[in-house]
Protein backbone atom coordinates (compact mmCIF):
# COMPACT_ATOMS: atom_id res chain seq x y z
CA MET A 1 6.73 -36.04 -29.69
CA VAL A 2 7.96 -32.68 -28.37
CA PRO A 3 11.60 -32.52 -27.21
CA ALA A 4 12.07 -32.13 -23.45
CA ARG A 5 13.93 -28.82 -23.82
CA ARG A 6 11.07 -27.25 -25.78
CA ARG A 7 8.50 -28.64 -23.37
CA GLY A 8 10.47 -27.15 -20.47
CA ARG A 9 10.52 -23.73 -22.11
CA THR A 10 6.79 -23.96 -22.75
CA VAL A 11 6.12 -24.76 -19.08
CA VAL A 12 8.30 -21.86 -17.93
CA LEU A 13 6.59 -19.50 -20.37
CA PHE A 14 3.17 -20.67 -19.22
CA GLN A 15 4.11 -20.13 -15.57
CA LEU A 16 5.44 -16.65 -16.37
CA VAL A 17 2.23 -15.68 -18.16
CA LEU A 18 0.21 -17.11 -15.27
CA VAL A 19 2.15 -15.10 -12.66
CA ILE A 20 1.83 -11.90 -14.69
CA GLY A 21 -1.90 -12.50 -15.13
CA VAL A 22 -2.42 -13.06 -11.42
CA ALA A 23 -0.40 -9.94 -10.60
CA LEU A 24 -2.44 -7.81 -13.01
CA PHE A 25 -5.73 -9.20 -11.73
CA THR A 26 -4.73 -8.59 -8.11
CA SER A 27 -3.51 -5.09 -8.89
CA GLY A 28 -6.74 -4.21 -10.68
CA SER A 29 -8.86 -5.67 -7.91
CA LEU A 30 -6.93 -3.78 -5.24
CA SER A 31 -7.09 -0.56 -7.24
CA ARG A 32 -10.86 -0.86 -7.60
CA ARG A 33 -11.26 -1.52 -3.87
CA MET A 34 -9.08 1.45 -2.95
CA SER A 35 -11.02 3.67 -5.35
CA ALA A 36 -14.32 2.60 -3.77
CA GLN A 37 -12.91 3.29 -0.31
CA ALA A 38 -11.69 6.74 -1.37
CA GLU A 39 -15.14 7.53 -2.78
CA ALA A 40 -16.77 6.46 0.48
CA MET A 41 -14.38 8.67 2.46
CA ARG A 42 -15.23 11.66 0.22
CA GLU A 43 -18.94 11.04 0.83
CA LEU A 44 -18.36 10.85 4.58
CA ASP A 45 -16.39 14.11 4.45
CA LYS A 46 -19.27 15.81 2.62
CA ILE A 47 -21.72 14.58 5.26
CA ALA A 48 -19.45 15.72 8.08
CA ASP A 49 -19.00 19.16 6.47
CA SER A 50 -22.73 19.64 5.97
CA SER A 51 -23.46 18.64 9.58
CA ARG A 52 -20.85 21.14 10.85
CA LYS A 53 -22.39 23.97 8.82
CA ALA A 54 -25.93 23.24 10.01
């Protein structure tokens, strides 16, 4: 049987890893979304510039 102190540390470590994982996943997801939005804005700017010139 695992001592309570060690089990407590394991639970805290697991929760810490879980929180870090969620933060990294969220950050990556948000970064990808922002990158896609920036690309769409660049495309819209190109379209607007070409319509102004024509």
